[in-house]
Amino acid sequence: MAEQTNPLIDELCAVIRTAHPSITEGEKWNAPSFRTTEWFATVNLRAKKGTAVILHFGAKKNAISEACVAIDDPEGLLHWLGKDRAQVSFADAAELALRREAFAAVIRQWITHL
């Protein structure tokens, strides 16, 4: 995988990688992506400000695509783009540091649905 040169993206990837021991990193859709049994997160390299990650429930449509999943999100990190995907954005490293644990908690919940 191409080496990241953006420290904010590097930190975002580190939070995802360390959220749970079953998470591995790879490259999918020409971007850093993460999986357990299925791909579930892809860094949005096109974010105009800050950084963002798209969370999804696999590379292909599945049962969750038609249903909706409840994710506890007390800090309002998830911006739902559909029933099966959401975006989490951070304006800068300070915001990511402030919300690191909440983001990791969302990731841990997310992967239970894979």
C-alpha atoms as a PDB file:
ATOM      1  CA  MET A   1       0.000   0.000   0.000  1.00  0.00           C
ATOM      2  CA  ALA A   2       1.190   3.516  -0.774  1.00  0.00           C
ATOM      3  CA  GLU A   3       2.682   5.258   2.216  1.00  0.00           C
ATOM      4  CA  GLN A   4       0.522   8.017   3.712  1.00  0.00           C
ATOM      5  CA  THR A   5       2.019  11.493   3.910  1.00  0.00           C
ATOM      6  CA  ASN A   6      -0.856  13.190   5.743  1.00  0.00           C
ATOM      7  CA  PRO A   7      -0.426  13.002   9.535  1.00  0.00           C
ATOM      8  CA  LEU A   8      -4.178  13.382  10.109  1.00  0.00           C
ATOM      9  CA  ILE A   9      -4.923  10.413   7.836  1.00  0.00           C
ATOM     10  CA  ASP A  10      -2.135   8.450   9.524  1.00  0.00           C
ATOM     11  CA  GLU A  11      -3.703   9.090  12.947  1.00  0.00           C
ATOM     12  CA  LEU A  12      -7.207   8.267  11.703  1.00  0.00           C
ATOM     13  CA  CYS A  13      -5.904   4.943  10.366  1.00  0.00           C
ATOM     14  CA  ALA A  14      -4.141   4.244  13.664  1.00  0.00           C
ATOM     15  CA  VAL A  15      -7.385   4.756  15.607  1.00  0.00           C
ATOM     16  CA  ILE A  16      -9.212   2.304  13.346  1.00  0.00           C
ATOM     17  CA  ARG A  17      -6.396  -0.296  13.396  1.00  0.00           C
ATOM     18  CA  THR A  18      -6.167  -0.271  17.182  1.00  0.00           C
ATOM     19  CA  ALA A  19      -9.913  -0.204  17.919  1.00  0.00           C
ATOM     20  CA  HIS A  20     -10.049  -4.019  17.899  1.00  0.00           C
ATOM     21  CA  PRO A  21      -7.444  -6.788  17.402  1.00  0.00           C
ATOM     22  CA  SER A  22      -9.430  -8.379  14.543  1.00  0.00           C
ATOM     23  CA  ILE A  23      -9.066  -5.304  12.313  1.00  0.00           C
ATOM     24  CA  THR A  24      -6.565  -5.443   9.473  1.00  0.00           C
ATOM     25  CA  GLU A  25      -5.603  -2.764   6.970  1.00  0.00           C
ATOM     26  CA  GLY A  26      -5.342  -3.027   3.216  1.00  0.00           C
ATOM     27  CA  GLU A  27      -6.063  -1.041   0.123  1.00  0.00           C
ATOM     28  CA  LYS A  28      -9.471  -1.082  -1.524  1.00  0.00           C
ATOM     29  CA  TRP A  29     -10.884   1.492  -3.906  1.00  0.00           C
ATOM     30  CA  ASN A  30      -7.392   3.071  -4.102  1.00  0.00           C
ATOM     31  CA  ALA A  31      -7.535   4.159  -0.476  1.00  0.00           C
ATOM     32  CA  PRO A  32      -6.587   2.829   2.945  1.00  0.00           C
ATOM     33  CA  SER A  33      -9.351   0.406   3.920  1.00  0.00           C
ATOM     34  CA  PHE A  34     -10.059  -1.845   6.881  1.00  0.00           C
ATOM     35  CA  ARG A  35     -11.649  -5.246   7.373  1.00  0.00           C
ATOM     36  CA  THR A  36     -12.426  -8.014   9.783  1.00  0.00           C
ATOM     37  CA  THR A  37     -14.450 -10.699   7.988  1.00  0.00           C
ATOM     38  CA  GLU A  38     -15.601  -8.020   5.479  1.00  0.00           C
ATOM     39  CA  TRP A  39     -14.384  -4.612   4.377  1.00  0.00           C
ATOM     40  CA  PHE A  40     -16.050  -2.040   6.616  1.00  0.00           C
ATOM     41  CA  ALA A  41     -14.141   1.260   6.435  1.00  0.00           C
ATOM     42  CA  THR A  42     -12.486   3.265   3.691  1.00  0.00           C
ATOM     43  CA  VAL A  43     -10.645   6.555   4.145  1.00  0.00           C
ATOM     44  CA  ASN A  44     -12.109   9.297   1.976  1.00  0.00           C
ATOM     45  CA  LEU A  45      -9.004  10.748   0.350  1.00  0.00           C
ATOM     46  CA  ARG A  46     -11.097  13.377  -1.446  1.00  0.00           C
ATOM     47  CA  ALA A  47     -12.229  15.244   1.664  1.00  0.00           C
ATOM     48  CA  LYS A  48     -11.744  18.952   0.989  1.00  0.00           C
ATOM     49  CA  LYS A  49     -11.076  19.821   4.650  1.00  0.00           C
ATOM     50  CA  GLY A  50      -9.787  17.590   7.398  1.00  0.00           C
ATOM     51  CA  THR A  51     -10.293  13.896   6.848  1.00  0.00           C
ATOM     52  CA  ALA A  52     -13.167  11.454   6.666  1.00  0.00           C
ATOM     53  CA  VAL A  53     -13.856   7.747   6.664  1.00  0.00           C
ATOM     54  CA  ILE A  54     -16.783   5.943   5.080  1.00  0.00           C
ATOM     55  CA  LEU A  55     -18.132   3.088   7.209  1.00  0.00           C
ATOM     56  CA  HIS A  56     -20.038   0.322   5.420  1.00  0.00           C
ATOM     57  CA  PHE A  57     -21.036  -3.302   5.943  1.00  0.00           C
ATOM     58  CA  GLY A  58     -19.009  -5.019   3.238  1.00  0.00           C
ATOM     59  CA  ALA A  59     -17.956  -4.470  -0.356  1.00  0.00           C
ATOM     60  CA  LYS A  60     -21.212  -5.921  -1.709  1.00  0.00           C
ATOM     61  CA  LYS A  61     -24.885  -5.426  -0.907  1.00  0.00           C
ATOM     62  CA  ASN A  62     -26.086  -7.700   1.879  1.00  0.00           C
ATOM     63  CA  ALA A  63     -28.972  -8.051   4.356  1.00  0.00           C
ATOM     64  CA  ILE A  64     -27.907  -4.895   6.204  1.00  0.00           C
ATOM     65  CA  SER A  65     -28.236  -2.917   2.960  1.00  0.00           C
ATOM     66  CA  GLU A  66     -32.019  -3.232   3.255  1.00  0.00           C
ATOM     67  CA  ALA A  67     -32.249  -2.974   7.034  1.00  0.00           C
ATOM     68  CA  CYS A  68     -30.949  -0.359   9.396  1.00  0.00           C
ATOM     69  CA  VAL A  69     -28.500  -0.976  12.208  1.00  0.00           C
ATOM     70  CA  ALA A  70     -28.571   0.823  15.536  1.00  0.00           C
ATOM     71  CA  ILE A  71     -25.187   2.203  16.554  1.00  0.00           C
ATOM     72  CA  ASP A  72     -24.848   4.038  19.863  1.00  0.00           C
ATOM     73  CA  ASP A  73     -23.350   7.396  18.862  1.00  0.00           C
ATOM     74  CA  PRO A  74     -23.628   9.824  21.803  1.00  0.00           C
ATOM     75  CA  GLU A  75     -21.218  12.338  20.231  1.00  0.00           C
ATOM     76  CA  GLY A  76     -23.047  12.400  16.889  1.00  0.00           C
ATOM     77  CA  LEU A  77     -20.045  11.282  14.851  1.00  0.00           C
ATOM     78  CA  LEU A  78     -22.048   9.338  12.255  1.00  0.00           C
ATOM     79  CA  HIS A  79     -23.497  11.150   9.269  1.00  0.00           C
ATOM     80  CA  TRP A  80     -25.676   8.462   7.676  1.00  0.00           C
ATOM     81  CA  LEU A  81     -25.402   8.346   3.871  1.00  0.00           C
ATOM     82  CA  GLY A  82     -27.830   5.416   3.548  1.00  0.00           C
ATOM     83  CA  LYS A  83     -29.105   2.448   5.557  1.00  0.00           C
ATOM     84  CA  ASP A  84     -25.790   0.653   5.165  1.00  0.00           C
ATOM     85  CA  ARG A  85     -23.161   3.388   5.247  1.00  0.00           C
ATOM     86  CA  ALA A  86     -22.139   6.456   7.201  1.00  0.00           C
ATOM     87  CA  GLN A  87     -19.369   9.017   7.132  1.00  0.00           C
ATOM     88  CA  VAL A  88     -17.300  10.214  10.070  1.00  0.00           C
ATOM     89  CA  SER A  89     -15.366  13.447   9.536  1.00  0.00           C
ATOM     90  CA  PHE A  90     -12.755  15.271  11.576  1.00  0.00           C
ATOM     91  CA  ALA A  91     -11.766  18.878  10.850  1.00  0.00           C
ATOM     92  CA  ASP A  92      -8.265  18.529  12.243  1.00  0.00           C
ATOM     93  CA  ALA A  93      -5.961  16.553  14.528  1.00  0.00           C
ATOM     94  CA  ALA A  94      -7.283  18.316  17.626  1.00  0.00           C
ATOM     95  CA  GLU A  95     -10.853  17.184  16.921  1.00  0.00           C
ATOM     96  CA  LEU A  96      -9.685  13.630  16.217  1.00  0.00           C
ATOM     97  CA  ALA A  97      -7.729  13.583  19.491  1.00  0.00           C
ATOM     98  CA  LEU A  98     -10.750  14.890  21.393  1.00  0.00           C
ATOM     99  CA  ARG A  99     -13.100  12.296  19.890  1.00  0.00           C
ATOM    100  CA  ARG A 100     -10.658   9.405  19.571  1.00  0.00           C
ATOM    101  CA  GLU A 101     -12.306   7.153  22.171  1.00  0.00           C
ATOM    102  CA  ALA A 102     -15.836   7.866  20.903  1.00  0.00           C
ATOM    103  CA  PHE A 103     -14.705   7.035  17.358  1.00  0.00           C
ATOM    104  CA  ALA A 104     -13.028   3.801  18.487  1.00  0.00           C
ATOM    105  CA  ALA A 105     -16.242   2.846  20.336  1.00  0.00           C
ATOM    106  CA  VAL A 106     -18.270   3.404  17.142  1.00  0.00           C
ATOM    107  CA  ILE A 107     -15.804   1.215  15.203  1.00  0.00           C
ATOM    108  CA  ARG A 108     -16.064  -1.578  17.781  1.00  0.00           C
ATOM    109  CA  GLN A 109     -19.868  -1.496  17.559  1.00  0.00           C
ATOM    110  CA  TRP A 110     -19.803  -1.312  13.759  1.00  0.00           C
ATOM    111  CA  ILE A 111     -17.727  -4.449  13.323  1.00  0.00           C
ATOM    112  CA  THR A 112     -20.128  -6.517  15.454  1.00  0.00           C
ATOM    113  CA  HIS A 113     -22.575  -6.327  12.531  1.00  0.00           C
ATOM    114  CA  LEU A 114     -20.217  -7.817   9.942  1.00  0.00           C
END
